[in-house]
Amino acid sequence: GTRQARRIVDHLGEVDLTAVYSSPLPRCVETVQPLADRLGLEVLLDRRLGEGAALEQAWELLEEVAARDVALCSHGDVIPELIAREQRRGMRVVEPTGFAKGSVWALRDWNGTHHSKGTWNKLR
């Protein structure tokens, strides 16, 4: 947990993020708090990222932040569903890696086509 949180800071700490969102559960908040601290941002708690959140609710948040560079922290029952839904909509997965604990997925939009890159293996 703590080591992964530090690695996330190493990985994303120089990215010009405008916000850091998290599930309200402590393990998510503790994961992204060091990143928010590095960037001088507040962790924004959002129940739509919480464990057991309905896909539609989490999707609503994704649509709200899609035009900005943000970090989102959620759980193993939410993230795979969001990625799968986006793949059904045509997103290309550049480096498929799975959904291990501590996974980081970078979602990008190039020329109107969404791409994702799973990078969890670099954070373990």
N, C-alpha and C. Protein backbone atom coordinates (compact mmCIF):
# COMPACT_ATOMS: atom_id res chain seq x y z
N GLY A 1 0.79 -1.19 0.00
CA GLY A 1 0.00 0.00 0.00
C GLY A 1 0.84 1.26 0.00
N THR A 2 1.68 1.43 1.03
CA THR A 2 2.48 2.65 1.13
C THR A 2 3.48 2.74 -0.01
N ARG A 3 4.10 1.62 -0.33
CA ARG A 3 5.08 1.61 -1.43
C ARG A 3 4.39 1.93 -2.76
N GLN A 4 3.21 1.36 -2.98
CA GLN A 4 2.49 1.64 -4.22
C GLN A 4 2.09 3.11 -4.29
N ALA A 5 1.68 3.69 -3.17
CA ALA A 5 1.32 5.11 -3.15
C ALA A 5 2.53 5.97 -3.53
N ARG A 6 3.71 5.62 -3.02
CA ARG A 6 4.92 6.36 -3.38
C ARG A 6 5.24 6.20 -4.86
N ARG A 7 5.04 5.00 -5.38
CA ARG A 7 5.31 4.76 -6.80
C ARG A 7 4.35 5.54 -7.68
N ILE A 8 3.10 5.69 -7.22
CA ILE A 8 2.14 6.50 -7.98
C ILE A 8 2.62 7.94 -8.04
N VAL A 9 3.14 8.45 -6.93
CA VAL A 9 3.70 9.81 -6.93
C VAL A 9 4.86 9.88 -7.91
N ASP A 10 5.74 8.88 -7.91
CA ASP A 10 6.85 8.86 -8.86
C ASP A 10 6.35 8.86 -10.29
N HIS A 11 5.28 8.13 -10.53
CA HIS A 11 4.75 7.94 -11.88
C HIS A 11 3.93 9.15 -12.36
N LEU A 12 3.14 9.74 -11.47
CA LEU A 12 2.22 10.81 -11.88
C LEU A 12 2.51 12.17 -11.24
N GLY A 13 3.49 12.24 -10.38
CA GLY A 13 3.75 13.47 -9.64
C GLY A 13 4.17 14.67 -10.46
N GLU A 14 4.62 14.45 -11.68
CA GLU A 14 5.02 15.57 -12.54
C GLU A 14 3.97 15.85 -13.61
N VAL A 15 2.88 15.09 -13.63
CA VAL A 15 1.80 15.31 -14.59
C VAL A 15 0.98 16.51 -14.11
N ASP A 16 0.56 17.34 -15.03
CA ASP A 16 -0.20 18.54 -14.69
C ASP A 16 -1.67 18.19 -14.48
N LEU A 17 -1.95 17.46 -13.40
CA LEU A 17 -3.33 17.07 -13.10
C LEU A 17 -4.08 18.25 -12.51
N THR A 18 -5.38 18.32 -12.83
CA THR A 18 -6.21 19.40 -12.29
C THR A 18 -7.01 18.96 -11.07
N ALA A 19 -7.11 17.65 -10.85
CA ALA A 19 -7.88 17.16 -9.70
C ALA A 19 -7.50 15.72 -9.40
N VAL A 20 -7.70 15.33 -8.14
CA VAL A 20 -7.51 13.95 -7.70
C VAL A 20 -8.80 13.53 -7.02
N TYR A 21 -9.48 12.55 -7.60
CA TYR A 21 -10.74 12.03 -7.07
C TYR A 21 -10.49 10.67 -6.43
N SER A 22 -11.24 10.36 -5.40
CA SER A 22 -11.08 9.08 -4.71
C SER A 22 -12.41 8.58 -4.18
N SER A 23 -12.50 7.27 -4.13
CA SER A 23 -13.54 6.62 -3.33
C SER A 23 -13.37 7.13 -1.91
N PRO A 24 -14.46 7.23 -1.15
CA PRO A 24 -14.33 7.68 0.24
C PRO A 24 -13.66 6.66 1.17
N LEU A 25 -13.49 5.43 0.73
CA LEU A 25 -12.89 4.42 1.61
C LEU A 25 -11.42 4.75 1.88
N PRO A 26 -11.00 4.59 3.14
CA PRO A 26 -9.64 5.00 3.53
C PRO A 26 -8.52 4.44 2.66
N ARG A 27 -8.62 3.18 2.23
CA ARG A 27 -7.50 2.62 1.47
C ARG A 27 -7.30 3.34 0.14
N CYS A 28 -8.37 3.85 -0.46
CA CYS A 28 -8.23 4.64 -1.69
C CYS A 28 -7.66 6.02 -1.38
N VAL A 29 -8.22 6.66 -0.38
CA VAL A 29 -7.75 8.00 0.00
C VAL A 29 -6.27 7.95 0.34
N GLU A 30 -5.86 6.96 1.13
CA GLU A 30 -4.45 6.84 1.52
C GLU A 30 -3.54 6.59 0.32
N THR A 31 -4.09 5.97 -0.71
CA THR A 31 -3.31 5.70 -1.92
C THR A 31 -3.02 6.97 -2.70
N VAL A 32 -4.00 7.87 -2.80
CA VAL A 32 -3.80 9.06 -3.63
C VAL A 32 -3.44 10.32 -2.84
N GLN A 33 -3.51 10.28 -1.51
CA GLN A 33 -3.19 11.48 -0.73
C GLN A 33 -1.76 11.98 -0.99
N PRO A 34 -0.76 11.09 -1.05
CA PRO A 34 0.60 11.58 -1.35
C PRO A 34 0.68 12.26 -2.72
N LEU A 35 -0.04 11.75 -3.70
CA LEU A 35 -0.06 12.38 -5.03
C LEU A 35 -0.69 13.76 -4.94
N ALA A 36 -1.83 13.85 -4.28
CA ALA A 36 -2.50 15.15 -4.12
C ALA A 36 -1.58 16.13 -3.39
N ASP A 37 -0.91 15.66 -2.34
CA ASP A 37 0.01 16.52 -1.60
C ASP A 37 1.11 17.05 -2.51
N ARG A 38 1.70 16.17 -3.30
CA ARG A 38 2.78 16.57 -4.22
C ARG A 38 2.30 17.64 -5.19
N LEU A 39 1.05 17.50 -5.66
CA LEU A 39 0.52 18.42 -6.66
C LEU A 39 -0.15 19.65 -6.05
N GLY A 40 -0.24 19.69 -4.72
CA GLY A 40 -0.90 20.81 -4.07
C GLY A 40 -2.40 20.81 -4.27
N LEU A 41 -2.98 19.62 -4.38
CA LEU A 41 -4.42 19.48 -4.61
C LEU A 41 -5.08 18.81 -3.42
N GLU A 42 -6.37 19.00 -3.32
CA GLU A 42 -7.18 18.33 -2.31
C GLU A 42 -7.71 17.03 -2.92
N VAL A 43 -7.81 15.97 -2.13
CA VAL A 43 -8.44 14.75 -2.61
C VAL A 43 -9.95 14.97 -2.56
N LEU A 44 -10.60 14.84 -3.70
CA LEU A 44 -12.04 15.02 -3.79
C LEU A 44 -12.72 13.67 -3.63
N LEU A 45 -13.45 13.49 -2.54
CA LEU A 45 -14.12 12.22 -2.27
C LEU A 45 -15.41 12.14 -3.08
N ASP A 46 -15.61 11.00 -3.73
CA ASP A 46 -16.80 10.83 -4.56
C ASP A 46 -17.32 9.41 -4.41
N ARG A 47 -18.53 9.29 -3.89
CA ARG A 47 -19.14 7.97 -3.67
C ARG A 47 -19.31 7.18 -4.96
N ARG A 48 -19.33 7.85 -6.09
CA ARG A 48 -19.47 7.15 -7.37
C ARG A 48 -18.26 6.27 -7.67
N LEU A 49 -17.16 6.48 -6.97
CA LEU A 49 -15.97 5.64 -7.11
C LEU A 49 -15.89 4.58 -6.01
N GLY A 50 -16.84 4.58 -5.11
CA GLY A 50 -16.81 3.68 -3.96
C GLY A 50 -17.03 2.23 -4.33
N GLU A 51 -16.56 1.37 -3.45
CA GLU A 51 -16.75 -0.07 -3.63
C GLU A 51 -18.24 -0.35 -3.75
N GLY A 52 -18.61 -1.12 -4.76
CA GLY A 52 -20.02 -1.45 -4.97
C GLY A 52 -20.80 -0.37 -5.70
N ALA A 53 -20.13 0.67 -6.18
CA ALA A 53 -20.82 1.74 -6.90
C ALA A 53 -21.43 1.20 -8.19
N ALA A 54 -22.57 1.71 -8.53
CA ALA A 54 -23.23 1.32 -9.78
C ALA A 54 -22.41 1.83 -10.96
N LEU A 55 -22.32 1.01 -11.99
CA LEU A 55 -21.55 1.38 -13.18
C LEU A 55 -22.01 2.72 -13.74
N GLU A 56 -23.30 2.95 -13.80
CA GLU A 56 -23.81 4.20 -14.36
C GLU A 56 -23.34 5.41 -13.56
N GLN A 57 -23.26 5.27 -12.26
CA GLN A 57 -22.81 6.39 -11.43
C GLN A 57 -21.33 6.68 -11.68
N ALA A 58 -20.52 5.64 -11.70
CA ALA A 58 -19.09 5.83 -11.96
C ALA A 58 -18.87 6.39 -13.37
N TRP A 59 -19.65 5.89 -14.32
CA TRP A 59 -19.54 6.36 -15.70
C TRP A 59 -19.88 7.85 -15.80
N GLU A 60 -20.87 8.27 -15.04
CA GLU A 60 -21.27 9.68 -15.01
C GLU A 60 -20.08 10.56 -14.59
N LEU A 61 -19.35 10.12 -13.58
CA LEU A 61 -18.17 10.87 -13.15
C LEU A 61 -17.12 10.92 -14.25
N LEU A 62 -16.88 9.78 -14.90
CA LEU A 62 -15.90 9.76 -16.00
C LEU A 62 -16.27 10.77 -17.07
N GLU A 63 -17.54 10.83 -17.42
CA GLU A 63 -17.97 11.78 -18.44
C GLU A 63 -17.79 13.22 -17.98
N GLU A 64 -17.99 13.47 -16.70
CA GLU A 64 -17.83 14.83 -16.16
C GLU A 64 -16.38 15.30 -16.24
N VAL A 65 -15.43 14.40 -16.08
CA VAL A 65 -14.02 14.80 -16.02
C VAL A 65 -13.25 14.48 -17.30
N ALA A 66 -13.92 13.96 -18.32
CA ALA A 66 -13.25 13.46 -19.52
C ALA A 66 -12.38 14.50 -20.22
N ALA A 67 -12.72 15.75 -20.16
CA ALA A 67 -11.96 16.77 -20.88
C ALA A 67 -10.79 17.31 -20.08
N ARG A 68 -10.59 16.79 -18.87
CA ARG A 68 -9.52 17.30 -18.01
C ARG A 68 -8.53 16.18 -17.70
N ASP A 69 -7.36 16.57 -17.22
CA ASP A 69 -6.36 15.60 -16.76
C ASP A 69 -6.55 15.42 -15.26
N VAL A 70 -7.08 14.28 -14.87
CA VAL A 70 -7.37 14.00 -13.46
C VAL A 70 -6.89 12.61 -13.10
N ALA A 71 -6.77 12.37 -11.80
CA ALA A 71 -6.50 11.02 -11.29
C ALA A 71 -7.76 10.57 -10.57
N LEU A 72 -8.11 9.30 -10.76
CA LEU A 72 -9.26 8.69 -10.09
C LEU A 72 -8.79 7.45 -9.36
N CYS A 73 -9.25 7.25 -8.13
CA CYS A 73 -8.92 6.04 -7.39
C CYS A 73 -10.21 5.33 -7.02
N SER A 74 -10.30 4.07 -7.43
CA SER A 74 -11.50 3.29 -7.15
C SER A 74 -11.09 1.87 -6.78
N HIS A 75 -11.98 0.92 -7.00
CA HIS A 75 -11.80 -0.44 -6.49
C HIS A 75 -11.92 -1.48 -7.60
N GLY A 76 -11.54 -2.71 -7.24
CA GLY A 76 -11.51 -3.81 -8.19
C GLY A 76 -12.84 -4.24 -8.74
N ASP A 77 -13.94 -3.78 -8.14
CA ASP A 77 -15.24 -4.11 -8.72
C ASP A 77 -15.76 -2.99 -9.62
N VAL A 78 -15.10 -1.84 -9.62
CA VAL A 78 -15.55 -0.69 -10.41
C VAL A 78 -14.69 -0.50 -11.65
N ILE A 79 -13.38 -0.49 -11.48
CA ILE A 79 -12.47 -0.17 -12.59
C ILE A 79 -12.59 -1.14 -13.76
N PRO A 80 -12.59 -2.45 -13.55
CA PRO A 80 -12.72 -3.35 -14.70
C PRO A 80 -14.00 -3.12 -15.49
N GLU A 81 -15.09 -2.79 -14.80
CA GLU A 81 -16.35 -2.52 -15.50
C GLU A 81 -16.26 -1.26 -16.35
N LEU A 82 -15.60 -0.24 -15.83
CA LEU A 82 -15.43 1.00 -16.60
C LEU A 82 -14.56 0.77 -17.83
N ILE A 83 -13.46 0.05 -17.65
CA ILE A 83 -12.57 -0.25 -18.78
C ILE A 83 -13.31 -1.08 -19.82
N ALA A 84 -14.04 -2.11 -19.38
CA ALA A 84 -14.78 -2.97 -20.31
C ALA A 84 -15.81 -2.16 -21.09
N ARG A 85 -16.50 -1.28 -20.41
CA ARG A 85 -17.51 -0.46 -21.09
C ARG A 85 -16.85 0.42 -22.15
N GLU A 86 -15.74 1.02 -21.81
CA GLU A 86 -15.05 1.88 -22.77
C GLU A 86 -14.51 1.07 -23.95
N GLN A 87 -14.06 -0.16 -23.69
CA GLN A 87 -13.60 -1.02 -24.79
C GLN A 87 -14.76 -1.34 -25.73
N ARG A 88 -15.93 -1.59 -25.18
CA ARG A 88 -17.10 -1.86 -26.04
C ARG A 88 -17.45 -0.65 -26.89
N ARG A 89 -17.04 0.52 -26.45
CA ARG A 89 -17.29 1.75 -27.20
C ARG A 89 -16.15 2.07 -28.16
N GLY A 90 -15.16 1.18 -28.25
CA GLY A 90 -14.10 1.34 -29.23
C GLY A 90 -12.74 1.73 -28.70
N MET A 91 -12.58 1.81 -27.38
CA MET A 91 -11.28 2.17 -26.83
C MET A 91 -10.26 1.08 -27.15
N ARG A 92 -9.07 1.48 -27.52
CA ARG A 92 -7.99 0.53 -27.79
C ARG A 92 -7.12 0.41 -26.54
N VAL A 93 -6.80 -0.81 -26.19
CA VAL A 93 -5.91 -1.05 -25.05
C VAL A 93 -4.51 -1.25 -25.61
N VAL A 94 -3.62 -0.31 -25.30
CA VAL A 94 -2.26 -0.33 -25.85
C VAL A 94 -1.43 -1.43 -25.21
N GLU A 95 -1.49 -1.54 -23.89
CA GLU A 95 -0.73 -2.56 -23.16
C GLU A 95 -1.65 -3.26 -22.17
N PRO A 96 -2.36 -4.30 -22.60
CA PRO A 96 -3.25 -4.97 -21.65
C PRO A 96 -2.46 -5.61 -20.52
N THR A 97 -2.90 -5.40 -19.28
CA THR A 97 -2.14 -5.93 -18.15
C THR A 97 -3.00 -6.63 -17.12
N GLY A 98 -4.28 -6.44 -17.12
CA GLY A 98 -5.12 -7.00 -16.07
C GLY A 98 -5.45 -5.95 -15.03
N PHE A 99 -6.03 -6.40 -13.93
CA PHE A 99 -6.55 -5.47 -12.93
C PHE A 99 -6.05 -5.80 -11.53
N ALA A 100 -4.77 -6.02 -11.39
CA ALA A 100 -4.21 -6.34 -10.08
C ALA A 100 -4.36 -5.16 -9.13
N LYS A 101 -4.33 -5.44 -7.83
CA LYS A 101 -4.35 -4.34 -6.85
C LYS A 101 -3.19 -3.42 -7.13
N GLY A 102 -3.44 -2.13 -7.01
CA GLY A 102 -2.41 -1.15 -7.30
C GLY A 102 -2.29 -0.82 -8.77
N SER A 103 -3.23 -1.30 -9.58
CA SER A 103 -3.18 -1.02 -11.02
C SER A 103 -3.32 0.46 -11.29
N VAL A 104 -2.65 0.91 -12.32
CA VAL A 104 -2.82 2.27 -12.82
C VAL A 104 -3.13 2.16 -14.30
N TRP A 105 -4.19 2.81 -14.70
CA TRP A 105 -4.58 2.86 -16.11
C TRP A 105 -4.54 4.30 -16.56
N ALA A 106 -3.86 4.57 -17.65
CA ALA A 106 -3.85 5.91 -18.25
C ALA A 106 -4.82 5.88 -19.42
N LEU A 107 -5.84 6.72 -19.38
CA LEU A 107 -6.81 6.81 -20.46
C LEU A 107 -6.54 8.10 -21.23
N ARG A 108 -6.39 7.98 -22.53
CA ARG A 108 -6.07 9.12 -23.38
C ARG A 108 -7.03 9.17 -24.56
N ASP A 109 -7.12 10.34 -25.15
CA ASP A 109 -7.93 10.54 -26.34
C ASP A 109 -7.02 11.11 -27.43
N TRP A 110 -6.83 10.34 -28.50
CA TRP A 110 -6.03 10.80 -29.63
C TRP A 110 -6.92 10.81 -30.86
N ASN A 111 -7.04 11.96 -31.45
CA ASN A 111 -7.83 12.10 -32.68
C ASN A 111 -9.22 11.50 -32.55
N GLY A 112 -9.84 11.69 -31.41
CA GLY A 112 -11.21 11.22 -31.22
C GLY A 112 -11.33 9.75 -30.87
N THR A 113 -10.21 9.02 -30.80
CA THR A 113 -10.25 7.61 -30.43
C THR A 113 -9.63 7.45 -29.05
N HIS A 114 -10.34 6.79 -28.16
CA HIS A 114 -9.83 6.59 -26.81
C HIS A 114 -8.85 5.42 -26.79
N HIS A 115 -7.79 5.58 -26.02
CA HIS A 115 -6.77 4.55 -25.84
C HIS A 115 -6.52 4.40 -24.36
N SER A 116 -6.14 3.22 -23.96
CA SER A 116 -5.74 3.06 -22.56
C SER A 116 -4.43 2.30 -22.52
N LYS A 117 -3.73 2.53 -21.44
CA LYS A 117 -2.46 1.84 -21.23
C LYS A 117 -2.43 1.41 -19.78
N GLY A 118 -2.46 0.13 -19.55
CA GLY A 118 -2.37 -0.38 -18.19
C GLY A 118 -0.92 -0.43 -17.77
N THR A 119 -0.60 0.15 -16.62
CA THR A 119 0.80 0.24 -16.20
C THR A 119 1.02 -0.29 -14.80
N TRP A 120 0.17 -1.16 -14.33
CA TRP A 120 0.28 -1.62 -12.94
C TRP A 120 1.60 -2.28 -12.64
N ASN A 121 2.16 -3.01 -13.61
CA ASN A 121 3.37 -3.77 -13.33
C ASN A 121 4.56 -2.87 -12.98
N LYS A 122 4.52 -1.61 -13.36
CA LYS A 122 5.60 -0.69 -13.04
C LYS A 122 5.48 -0.16 -11.61
N LEU A 123 4.35 -0.42 -10.96
CA LEU A 123 4.11 0.15 -9.64
C LEU A 123 4.26 -0.84 -8.51
N ARG A 124 4.48 -2.09 -8.79
CA ARG A 124 4.55 -3.10 -7.73
C ARG A 124 5.89 -3.10 -7.06
